[in-house]
Amino acid sequence: MNYTTIIDHFGNQLHRFVVPENIKRKLDEESVYVLSNIGLPQKIVYIKFSFYSEVFIDETDQSIVLGYHARYKDWEMKLSINDCSIYHYWKSEKDADAYCFYNSSVKKLLLCLYESDVFYFNIIAKQALGDYHKHHDEYSKALESIITKIDPDATTKGAWYSYIEEMSTGAV
């Protein structure tokens, strides 16, 4: 998969980030390239995020803050400095702070979002596997297979796992 295909697919939905030099030194080249030159769409799995123009470091958990949930500003999308994984984080008044894993890297997140979007338009919308409401489990297994090929960790925990699980029950 080349980035031109992804850029053509998402078009102006992609948000490119300004990555300051001090942050570039903390990240791998691929993450910096994707953030700066390709960008991310605002809709991540099934949450819409508002992105900051310039990313910044959160010293409390050694992460790069990319943006926040469009409705809940205390839900932040973050990139781990330690392992370059992507997750969202939120503060809870009742419980300990919570984290939800997306992908092992920015590149894998972008690829999964692209493949998921293509899957929706080419397979689900066209009911290629039959009526979605009758065959939602087959659709979920097909999407799980696609996401697993890109990032095996994504289908065992976190947002993609939840999304695929909800799809298998027909909830989404």
N, C-alpha and C. Protein backbone atom coordinates (compact mmCIF):
# COMPACT_ATOMS: atom_id res chain seq x y z
N MET A 1 0.86 -1.19 0.00
CA MET A 1 0.00 0.00 0.00
C MET A 1 0.89 1.23 0.00
N ASN A 2 0.61 2.13 -0.92
CA ASN A 2 1.39 3.36 -0.93
C ASN A 2 0.54 4.50 -0.36
N TYR A 3 1.25 5.51 0.11
CA TYR A 3 0.57 6.62 0.76
C TYR A 3 -0.29 7.45 -0.19
N THR A 4 0.06 7.48 -1.46
CA THR A 4 -0.72 8.24 -2.43
C THR A 4 -2.16 7.72 -2.49
N THR A 5 -2.33 6.42 -2.44
CA THR A 5 -3.67 5.82 -2.46
C THR A 5 -4.47 6.26 -1.24
N ILE A 6 -3.82 6.29 -0.09
CA ILE A 6 -4.49 6.70 1.15
C ILE A 6 -4.86 8.18 1.09
N ILE A 7 -3.94 9.01 0.62
CA ILE A 7 -4.20 10.45 0.50
C ILE A 7 -5.36 10.69 -0.48
N ASP A 8 -5.36 9.98 -1.60
CA ASP A 8 -6.45 10.12 -2.57
C ASP A 8 -7.78 9.69 -1.96
N HIS A 9 -7.75 8.63 -1.17
CA HIS A 9 -8.99 8.11 -0.57
C HIS A 9 -9.58 9.08 0.45
N PHE A 10 -8.75 9.53 1.41
CA PHE A 10 -9.26 10.38 2.49
C PHE A 10 -9.32 11.86 2.10
N GLY A 11 -8.49 12.28 1.16
CA GLY A 11 -8.51 13.67 0.71
C GLY A 11 -8.35 14.67 1.83
N ASN A 12 -9.26 15.64 1.85
CA ASN A 12 -9.15 16.72 2.84
C ASN A 12 -9.58 16.31 4.25
N GLN A 13 -9.92 15.05 4.45
CA GLN A 13 -10.22 14.56 5.80
C GLN A 13 -8.94 14.36 6.62
N LEU A 14 -7.79 14.33 5.95
CA LEU A 14 -6.52 14.09 6.63
C LEU A 14 -6.02 15.36 7.30
N HIS A 15 -5.64 15.23 8.54
CA HIS A 15 -5.05 16.35 9.29
C HIS A 15 -3.56 16.10 9.43
N ARG A 16 -2.77 17.00 8.88
CA ARG A 16 -1.31 16.91 9.01
C ARG A 16 -0.88 17.71 10.23
N PHE A 17 0.09 17.18 10.94
CA PHE A 17 0.55 17.77 12.19
C PHE A 17 1.88 18.49 12.02
N VAL A 18 2.06 19.54 12.80
CA VAL A 18 3.37 20.16 12.94
C VAL A 18 4.07 19.39 14.06
N VAL A 19 5.24 18.84 13.76
CA VAL A 19 6.00 18.07 14.75
C VAL A 19 7.29 18.84 15.04
N PRO A 20 7.35 19.46 16.22
CA PRO A 20 8.55 20.24 16.57
C PRO A 20 9.81 19.36 16.61
N GLU A 21 10.96 19.99 16.41
CA GLU A 21 12.24 19.27 16.37
C GLU A 21 12.49 18.43 17.62
N ASN A 22 12.16 18.97 18.81
CA ASN A 22 12.41 18.22 20.03
C ASN A 22 11.59 16.93 20.10
N ILE A 23 10.45 16.92 19.44
CA ILE A 23 9.61 15.72 19.41
C ILE A 23 10.08 14.78 18.30
N LYS A 24 10.50 15.33 17.18
CA LYS A 24 11.03 14.49 16.09
C LYS A 24 12.15 13.60 16.59
N ARG A 25 12.99 14.12 17.48
CA ARG A 25 14.12 13.35 17.99
C ARG A 25 13.67 12.20 18.89
N LYS A 26 12.45 12.25 19.39
CA LYS A 26 11.95 11.21 20.29
C LYS A 26 11.18 10.10 19.57
N LEU A 27 10.83 10.34 18.31
CA LEU A 27 10.00 9.39 17.56
C LEU A 27 10.79 8.73 16.43
N ASP A 28 10.29 7.62 15.95
CA ASP A 28 10.88 6.97 14.78
C ASP A 28 10.53 7.79 13.53
N GLU A 29 11.34 7.62 12.49
CA GLU A 29 11.16 8.39 11.25
C GLU A 29 9.80 8.17 10.61
N GLU A 30 9.30 6.94 10.64
CA GLU A 30 8.02 6.62 10.01
C GLU A 30 6.87 7.39 10.68
N SER A 31 6.88 7.46 12.00
CA SER A 31 5.83 8.20 12.72
C SER A 31 5.86 9.68 12.37
N VAL A 32 7.07 10.25 12.35
CA VAL A 32 7.21 11.67 12.01
C VAL A 32 6.72 11.90 10.58
N TYR A 33 7.10 11.02 9.66
CA TYR A 33 6.70 11.17 8.26
C TYR A 33 5.17 11.12 8.12
N VAL A 34 4.55 10.11 8.73
CA VAL A 34 3.09 9.98 8.62
C VAL A 34 2.40 11.18 9.23
N LEU A 35 2.79 11.58 10.42
CA LEU A 35 2.14 12.71 11.08
C LEU A 35 2.31 14.00 10.28
N SER A 36 3.51 14.26 9.79
CA SER A 36 3.82 15.52 9.11
C SER A 36 3.35 15.58 7.66
N ASN A 37 3.49 14.47 6.94
CA ASN A 37 3.27 14.50 5.49
C ASN A 37 1.98 13.84 5.02
N ILE A 38 1.46 12.90 5.77
CA ILE A 38 0.24 12.20 5.37
C ILE A 38 -0.93 12.68 6.23
N GLY A 39 -0.79 12.53 7.53
CA GLY A 39 -1.83 12.95 8.46
C GLY A 39 -2.74 11.80 8.86
N LEU A 40 -3.71 12.13 9.68
CA LEU A 40 -4.72 11.16 10.13
C LEU A 40 -6.11 11.74 9.89
N PRO A 41 -7.08 10.88 9.55
CA PRO A 41 -8.46 11.36 9.44
C PRO A 41 -9.03 11.61 10.85
N GLN A 42 -9.97 12.52 10.95
CA GLN A 42 -10.53 12.83 12.27
C GLN A 42 -11.29 11.66 12.89
N LYS A 43 -11.91 10.84 12.06
CA LYS A 43 -12.66 9.70 12.60
C LYS A 43 -11.69 8.54 12.78
N ILE A 44 -11.49 8.16 14.02
CA ILE A 44 -10.58 7.07 14.37
C ILE A 44 -11.43 5.94 14.94
N VAL A 45 -11.53 4.84 14.22
CA VAL A 45 -12.42 3.72 14.49
C VAL A 45 -13.83 4.30 14.54
N TYR A 46 -14.41 4.54 15.71
CA TYR A 46 -15.73 5.15 15.71
C TYR A 46 -15.82 6.38 16.62
N ILE A 47 -14.68 7.02 16.83
CA ILE A 47 -14.64 8.25 17.63
C ILE A 47 -14.08 9.37 16.75
N LYS A 48 -14.72 10.52 16.81
CA LYS A 48 -14.23 11.67 16.06
C LYS A 48 -13.34 12.50 16.98
N PHE A 49 -12.14 12.79 16.50
CA PHE A 49 -11.18 13.58 17.26
C PHE A 49 -10.97 14.94 16.63
N SER A 50 -10.67 15.91 17.48
CA SER A 50 -10.21 17.23 17.05
C SER A 50 -8.71 17.22 17.30
N PHE A 51 -7.94 17.54 16.28
CA PHE A 51 -6.50 17.45 16.40
C PHE A 51 -5.89 18.82 16.64
N TYR A 52 -4.78 18.81 17.38
CA TYR A 52 -4.00 20.03 17.56
C TYR A 52 -3.17 20.27 16.30
N SER A 53 -2.92 21.53 15.99
CA SER A 53 -2.06 21.84 14.84
C SER A 53 -0.65 21.34 15.10
N GLU A 54 -0.16 21.62 16.30
CA GLU A 54 1.18 21.22 16.67
C GLU A 54 1.10 20.25 17.84
N VAL A 55 1.73 19.10 17.70
CA VAL A 55 1.71 18.10 18.77
C VAL A 55 2.60 18.58 19.91
N PHE A 56 2.35 18.04 21.11
CA PHE A 56 3.16 18.42 22.27
C PHE A 56 3.34 17.22 23.19
N ILE A 57 4.31 17.32 24.07
CA ILE A 57 4.65 16.22 24.98
C ILE A 57 3.86 16.35 26.27
N ASP A 58 3.34 15.23 26.76
CA ASP A 58 2.75 15.13 28.09
C ASP A 58 3.79 14.38 28.93
N GLU A 59 4.47 15.12 29.77
CA GLU A 59 5.56 14.53 30.56
C GLU A 59 5.07 13.51 31.59
N THR A 60 3.80 13.60 31.99
CA THR A 60 3.30 12.70 33.03
C THR A 60 3.31 11.24 32.60
N ASP A 61 3.11 10.99 31.32
CA ASP A 61 3.12 9.59 30.87
C ASP A 61 4.01 9.38 29.65
N GLN A 62 4.89 10.34 29.38
CA GLN A 62 5.83 10.23 28.26
C GLN A 62 5.12 9.91 26.95
N SER A 63 4.20 10.79 26.59
CA SER A 63 3.44 10.61 25.36
C SER A 63 3.40 11.91 24.58
N ILE A 64 3.05 11.77 23.31
CA ILE A 64 2.83 12.92 22.44
C ILE A 64 1.32 13.06 22.29
N VAL A 65 0.79 14.24 22.60
CA VAL A 65 -0.65 14.47 22.51
C VAL A 65 -0.96 14.96 21.10
N LEU A 66 -1.86 14.23 20.43
CA LEU A 66 -2.24 14.55 19.05
C LEU A 66 -3.54 15.34 18.99
N GLY A 67 -4.47 15.03 19.89
CA GLY A 67 -5.77 15.69 19.85
C GLY A 67 -6.67 15.19 20.96
N TYR A 68 -7.94 15.52 20.85
CA TYR A 68 -8.90 15.17 21.89
C TYR A 68 -10.23 14.80 21.23
N HIS A 69 -11.04 14.07 21.97
CA HIS A 69 -12.37 13.66 21.51
C HIS A 69 -13.16 14.91 21.18
N ALA A 70 -13.88 14.88 20.09
CA ALA A 70 -14.61 16.06 19.63
C ALA A 70 -15.62 16.57 20.66
N ARG A 71 -16.16 15.67 21.51
CA ARG A 71 -17.14 16.09 22.51
C ARG A 71 -16.58 16.13 23.93
N TYR A 72 -15.58 15.31 24.21
CA TYR A 72 -15.04 15.20 25.57
C TYR A 72 -13.56 15.55 25.55
N LYS A 73 -13.25 16.78 25.93
CA LYS A 73 -11.87 17.25 25.80
C LYS A 73 -10.89 16.51 26.70
N ASP A 74 -11.38 15.81 27.72
CA ASP A 74 -10.46 15.07 28.57
C ASP A 74 -10.14 13.67 28.02
N TRP A 75 -10.69 13.34 26.86
CA TRP A 75 -10.32 12.11 26.14
C TRP A 75 -9.29 12.51 25.11
N GLU A 76 -8.05 12.14 25.33
CA GLU A 76 -6.98 12.56 24.44
C GLU A 76 -6.46 11.40 23.59
N MET A 77 -6.10 11.70 22.35
CA MET A 77 -5.41 10.73 21.51
C MET A 77 -3.93 10.97 21.71
N LYS A 78 -3.21 9.87 22.02
CA LYS A 78 -1.79 9.99 22.33
C LYS A 78 -0.96 8.97 21.57
N LEU A 79 0.30 9.32 21.44
CA LEU A 79 1.31 8.46 20.82
C LEU A 79 2.38 8.24 21.88
N SER A 80 2.61 7.00 22.24
CA SER A 80 3.60 6.67 23.26
C SER A 80 5.02 6.94 22.75
N ILE A 81 5.80 7.65 23.54
CA ILE A 81 7.20 7.89 23.19
C ILE A 81 7.98 6.57 23.32
N ASN A 82 7.60 5.75 24.27
CA ASN A 82 8.34 4.51 24.55
C ASN A 82 8.25 3.49 23.43
N ASP A 83 7.04 3.26 22.90
CA ASP A 83 6.89 2.18 21.91
C ASP A 83 6.15 2.61 20.63
N CYS A 84 5.83 3.89 20.51
CA CYS A 84 5.15 4.46 19.34
C CYS A 84 3.74 3.95 19.12
N SER A 85 3.15 3.31 20.13
CA SER A 85 1.76 2.86 19.99
C SER A 85 0.81 4.06 20.11
N ILE A 86 -0.36 3.89 19.55
CA ILE A 86 -1.40 4.93 19.56
C ILE A 86 -2.53 4.47 20.48
N TYR A 87 -3.02 5.37 21.30
CA TYR A 87 -4.11 5.05 22.21
C TYR A 87 -4.88 6.31 22.55
N HIS A 88 -6.06 6.12 23.15
CA HIS A 88 -6.69 7.30 23.71
C HIS A 88 -6.77 7.11 25.21
N TYR A 89 -6.77 8.22 25.87
CA TYR A 89 -6.66 8.27 27.33
C TYR A 89 -7.77 9.18 27.85
N TRP A 90 -8.33 8.81 28.98
CA TRP A 90 -9.28 9.71 29.61
C TRP A 90 -9.16 9.61 31.12
N LYS A 91 -9.47 10.74 31.76
CA LYS A 91 -9.44 10.79 33.21
C LYS A 91 -10.82 10.41 33.72
N SER A 92 -10.82 9.62 34.75
CA SER A 92 -12.07 9.19 35.34
C SER A 92 -12.14 9.66 36.78
N GLU A 93 -13.24 10.25 37.15
CA GLU A 93 -13.40 10.70 38.54
C GLU A 93 -13.60 9.52 39.47
N LYS A 94 -14.24 8.45 38.97
CA LYS A 94 -14.54 7.29 39.81
C LYS A 94 -13.40 6.28 39.85
N ASP A 95 -12.77 6.05 38.73
CA ASP A 95 -11.78 4.99 38.60
C ASP A 95 -10.41 5.57 38.28
N ALA A 96 -9.46 4.68 38.15
CA ALA A 96 -8.12 5.09 37.72
C ALA A 96 -8.21 5.59 36.28
N ASP A 97 -7.24 6.38 35.88
CA ASP A 97 -7.20 6.84 34.50
C ASP A 97 -7.26 5.65 33.56
N ALA A 98 -7.88 5.83 32.42
CA ALA A 98 -8.10 4.71 31.50
C ALA A 98 -7.41 4.95 30.16
N TYR A 99 -6.98 3.86 29.56
CA TYR A 99 -6.32 3.89 28.26
C TYR A 99 -7.00 2.90 27.33
N CYS A 100 -7.13 3.26 26.07
CA CYS A 100 -7.70 2.36 25.07
C CYS A 100 -6.74 2.30 23.89
N PHE A 101 -6.17 1.13 23.65
CA PHE A 101 -5.19 0.90 22.60
C PHE A 101 -5.86 0.95 21.23
N TYR A 102 -5.19 1.57 20.25
CA TYR A 102 -5.63 1.55 18.86
C TYR A 102 -4.71 0.66 18.03
N ASN A 103 -3.47 1.10 17.89
CA ASN A 103 -2.53 0.37 17.04
C ASN A 103 -1.12 0.48 17.56
N SER A 104 -0.25 -0.38 17.02
CA SER A 104 1.15 -0.44 17.43
C SER A 104 1.99 0.71 16.90
N SER A 105 1.47 1.43 15.91
CA SER A 105 2.20 2.57 15.35
C SER A 105 1.24 3.48 14.59
N VAL A 106 1.70 4.67 14.31
CA VAL A 106 0.90 5.62 13.53
C VAL A 106 0.63 5.05 12.14
N LYS A 107 1.65 4.47 11.53
CA LYS A 107 1.50 3.90 10.19
C LYS A 107 0.44 2.79 10.20
N LYS A 108 0.49 1.91 11.18
CA LYS A 108 -0.48 0.81 11.24
C LYS A 108 -1.89 1.34 11.51
N LEU A 109 -2.01 2.40 12.30
CA LEU A 109 -3.32 3.02 12.52
C LEU A 109 -3.86 3.54 11.20
N LEU A 110 -3.05 4.27 10.46
CA LEU A 110 -3.48 4.83 9.19
C LEU A 110 -3.89 3.73 8.21
N LEU A 111 -3.10 2.67 8.12
CA LEU A 111 -3.42 1.56 7.22
C LEU A 111 -4.71 0.87 7.63
N CYS A 112 -4.90 0.65 8.93
CA CYS A 112 -6.14 0.02 9.40
C CYS A 112 -7.36 0.89 9.13
N LEU A 113 -7.21 2.20 9.33
CA LEU A 113 -8.33 3.11 9.04
C LEU A 113 -8.68 3.09 7.56
N TYR A 114 -7.67 3.10 6.73
CA TYR A 114 -7.90 3.04 5.29
C TYR A 114 -8.60 1.73 4.91
N GLU A 115 -8.06 0.61 5.33
CA GLU A 115 -8.63 -0.69 4.98
C GLU A 115 -10.04 -0.85 5.52
N SER A 116 -10.29 -0.34 6.71
CA SER A 116 -11.62 -0.41 7.30
C SER A 116 -12.61 0.42 6.48
N ASP A 117 -12.18 1.59 6.07
CA ASP A 117 -13.03 2.46 5.26
C ASP A 117 -13.35 1.82 3.90
N VAL A 118 -12.33 1.28 3.27
CA VAL A 118 -12.51 0.59 1.98
C VAL A 118 -13.43 -0.62 2.17
N PHE A 119 -13.24 -1.35 3.26
CA PHE A 119 -14.07 -2.51 3.55
C PHE A 119 -15.54 -2.09 3.67
N TYR A 120 -15.77 -0.99 4.37
CA TYR A 120 -17.14 -0.52 4.53
C TYR A 120 -17.77 -0.20 3.16
N PHE A 121 -17.07 0.60 2.36
CA PHE A 121 -17.65 1.04 1.09
C PHE A 121 -17.73 -0.07 0.04
N ASN A 122 -16.76 -0.96 0.01
CA ASN A 122 -16.73 -2.00 -1.02
C ASN A 122 -17.38 -3.32 -0.63
N ILE A 123 -17.47 -3.59 0.64
CA ILE A 123 -18.00 -4.88 1.08
C ILE A 123 -19.33 -4.71 1.83
N ILE A 124 -19.32 -3.95 2.90
CA ILE A 124 -20.54 -3.81 3.71
C ILE A 124 -21.63 -3.06 2.95
N ALA A 125 -21.32 -1.88 2.43
CA ALA A 125 -22.33 -1.07 1.74
C ALA A 125 -22.93 -1.79 0.53
N LYS A 126 -22.11 -2.60 -0.12
CA LYS A 126 -22.60 -3.35 -1.29
C LYS A 126 -23.15 -4.72 -0.90
N GLN A 127 -23.14 -5.00 0.40
CA GLN A 127 -23.64 -6.27 0.95
C GLN A 127 -23.04 -7.47 0.21
N ALA A 128 -21.72 -7.41 0.02
CA ALA A 128 -21.00 -8.44 -0.73
C ALA A 128 -21.08 -9.82 -0.08
N LEU A 129 -21.28 -9.86 1.23
CA LEU A 129 -21.38 -11.14 1.95
C LEU A 129 -22.83 -11.46 2.32
N GLY A 130 -23.75 -10.76 1.72
CA GLY A 130 -25.17 -10.94 2.04
C GLY A 130 -25.67 -9.81 2.92
N ASP A 131 -26.92 -9.86 3.26
CA ASP A 131 -27.54 -8.85 4.10
C ASP A 131 -26.74 -8.69 5.40
N TYR A 132 -26.32 -7.46 5.68
CA TYR A 132 -25.47 -7.22 6.85
C TYR A 132 -26.13 -7.69 8.14
N HIS A 133 -27.42 -7.42 8.31
CA HIS A 133 -28.10 -7.76 9.55
C HIS A 133 -28.20 -9.27 9.77
N LYS A 134 -28.16 -10.03 8.71
CA LYS A 134 -28.19 -11.49 8.82
C LYS A 134 -26.79 -12.09 8.89
N HIS A 135 -25.80 -11.40 8.33
CA HIS A 135 -24.45 -11.96 8.20
C HIS A 135 -23.39 -11.09 8.88
N HIS A 136 -23.77 -10.33 9.90
CA HIS A 136 -22.83 -9.42 10.56
C HIS A 136 -21.62 -10.16 11.12
N ASP A 137 -21.80 -11.40 11.54
CA ASP A 137 -20.67 -12.17 12.06
C ASP A 137 -19.64 -12.45 10.96
N GLU A 138 -20.09 -12.74 9.77
CA GLU A 138 -19.17 -12.97 8.65
C GLU A 138 -18.42 -11.69 8.29
N TYR A 139 -19.13 -10.57 8.32
CA TYR A 139 -18.49 -9.28 8.05
C TYR A 139 -17.43 -8.98 9.11
N SER A 140 -17.77 -9.25 10.37
CA SER A 140 -16.80 -8.96 11.44
C SER A 140 -15.56 -9.84 11.30
N LYS A 141 -15.73 -11.09 10.94
CA LYS A 141 -14.58 -11.99 10.76
C LYS A 141 -13.71 -11.53 9.58
N ALA A 142 -14.34 -11.06 8.53
CA ALA A 142 -13.58 -10.58 7.37
C ALA A 142 -12.78 -9.33 7.74
N LEU A 143 -13.40 -8.39 8.46
CA LEU A 143 -12.68 -7.19 8.88
C LEU A 143 -11.56 -7.54 9.86
N GLU A 144 -11.84 -8.45 10.77
CA GLU A 144 -10.82 -8.88 11.73
C GLU A 144 -9.60 -9.45 11.00
N SER A 145 -9.82 -10.22 9.98
CA SER A 145 -8.73 -10.80 9.19
C SER A 145 -7.89 -9.70 8.54
N ILE A 146 -8.54 -8.70 8.00
CA ILE A 146 -7.84 -7.59 7.35
C ILE A 146 -7.00 -6.82 8.37
N ILE A 147 -7.59 -6.47 9.51
CA ILE A 147 -6.89 -5.69 10.53
C ILE A 147 -5.75 -6.50 11.13
N THR A 148 -5.97 -7.79 11.35
CA THR A 148 -4.93 -8.65 11.93
C THR A 148 -3.70 -8.73 11.03
N LYS A 149 -3.89 -8.75 9.72
CA LYS A 149 -2.75 -8.79 8.80
C LYS A 149 -1.88 -7.54 8.93
N ILE A 150 -2.49 -6.43 9.24
CA ILE A 150 -1.76 -5.17 9.38
C ILE A 150 -1.13 -5.06 10.76
N ASP A 151 -1.90 -5.38 11.79
CA ASP A 151 -1.44 -5.19 13.18
C ASP A 151 -2.11 -6.23 14.08
N PRO A 152 -1.48 -7.37 14.29
CA PRO A 152 -2.09 -8.43 15.10
C PRO A 152 -2.51 -7.99 16.50
N ASP A 153 -1.78 -7.06 17.11
CA ASP A 153 -2.15 -6.58 18.45
C ASP A 153 -3.49 -5.86 18.46
N ALA A 154 -3.84 -5.23 17.36
CA ALA A 154 -5.04 -4.40 17.31
C ALA A 154 -6.33 -5.20 17.47
N THR A 155 -6.32 -6.47 17.10
CA THR A 155 -7.55 -7.26 17.18
C THR A 155 -7.64 -8.09 18.45
N THR A 156 -6.67 -7.93 19.36
CA THR A 156 -6.71 -8.68 20.61
C THR A 156 -7.02 -7.80 21.81
N LYS A 157 -7.04 -6.49 21.61
CA LYS A 157 -7.32 -5.56 22.72
C LYS A 157 -7.70 -4.21 22.15
N GLY A 158 -8.34 -3.41 22.96
CA GLY A 158 -8.59 -2.03 22.61
C GLY A 158 -9.72 -1.76 21.64
N ALA A 159 -9.58 -0.65 20.92
CA ALA A 159 -10.66 -0.11 20.10
C ALA A 159 -11.05 -1.01 18.94
N TRP A 160 -10.08 -1.53 18.19
CA TRP A 160 -10.43 -2.41 17.06
C TRP A 160 -11.08 -3.69 17.56
N TYR A 161 -10.56 -4.22 18.65
CA TYR A 161 -11.15 -5.43 19.23
C TYR A 161 -12.61 -5.16 19.58
N SER A 162 -12.89 -4.06 20.26
CA SER A 162 -14.27 -3.71 20.65
C SER A 162 -15.16 -3.51 19.44
N TYR A 163 -14.64 -2.80 18.45
CA TYR A 163 -15.41 -2.53 17.24
C TYR A 163 -15.79 -3.83 16.53
N ILE A 164 -14.84 -4.72 16.38
CA ILE A 164 -15.09 -6.00 15.70
C ILE A 164 -16.04 -6.86 16.53
N GLU A 165 -15.89 -6.84 17.83
CA GLU A 165 -16.80 -7.59 18.72
C GLU A 165 -18.23 -7.05 18.59
N GLU A 166 -18.38 -5.75 18.57
CA GLU A 166 -19.71 -5.15 18.43
C GLU A 166 -20.29 -5.47 17.05
N MET A 167 -19.45 -5.48 16.03
CA MET A 167 -19.90 -5.84 14.68
C MET A 167 -20.38 -7.29 14.66
N SER A 168 -19.68 -8.17 15.36
CA SER A 168 -20.06 -9.59 15.35
C SER A 168 -21.43 -9.83 15.99
N THR A 169 -21.85 -8.93 16.87
CA THR A 169 -23.17 -9.06 17.49
C THR A 169 -24.24 -8.27 16.74
N GLY A 170 -23.82 -7.50 15.74
CA GLY A 170 -24.76 -6.70 14.97
C GLY A 170 -25.05 -5.34 15.58
N ALA A 171 -24.28 -4.96 16.62
CA ALA A 171 -24.52 -3.68 17.29
C ALA A 171 -24.07 -2.48 16.46
N VAL A 172 -23.08 -2.68 15.60
CA VAL A 172 -22.64 -1.58 14.72
C VAL A 172 -22.78 -2.00 13.27
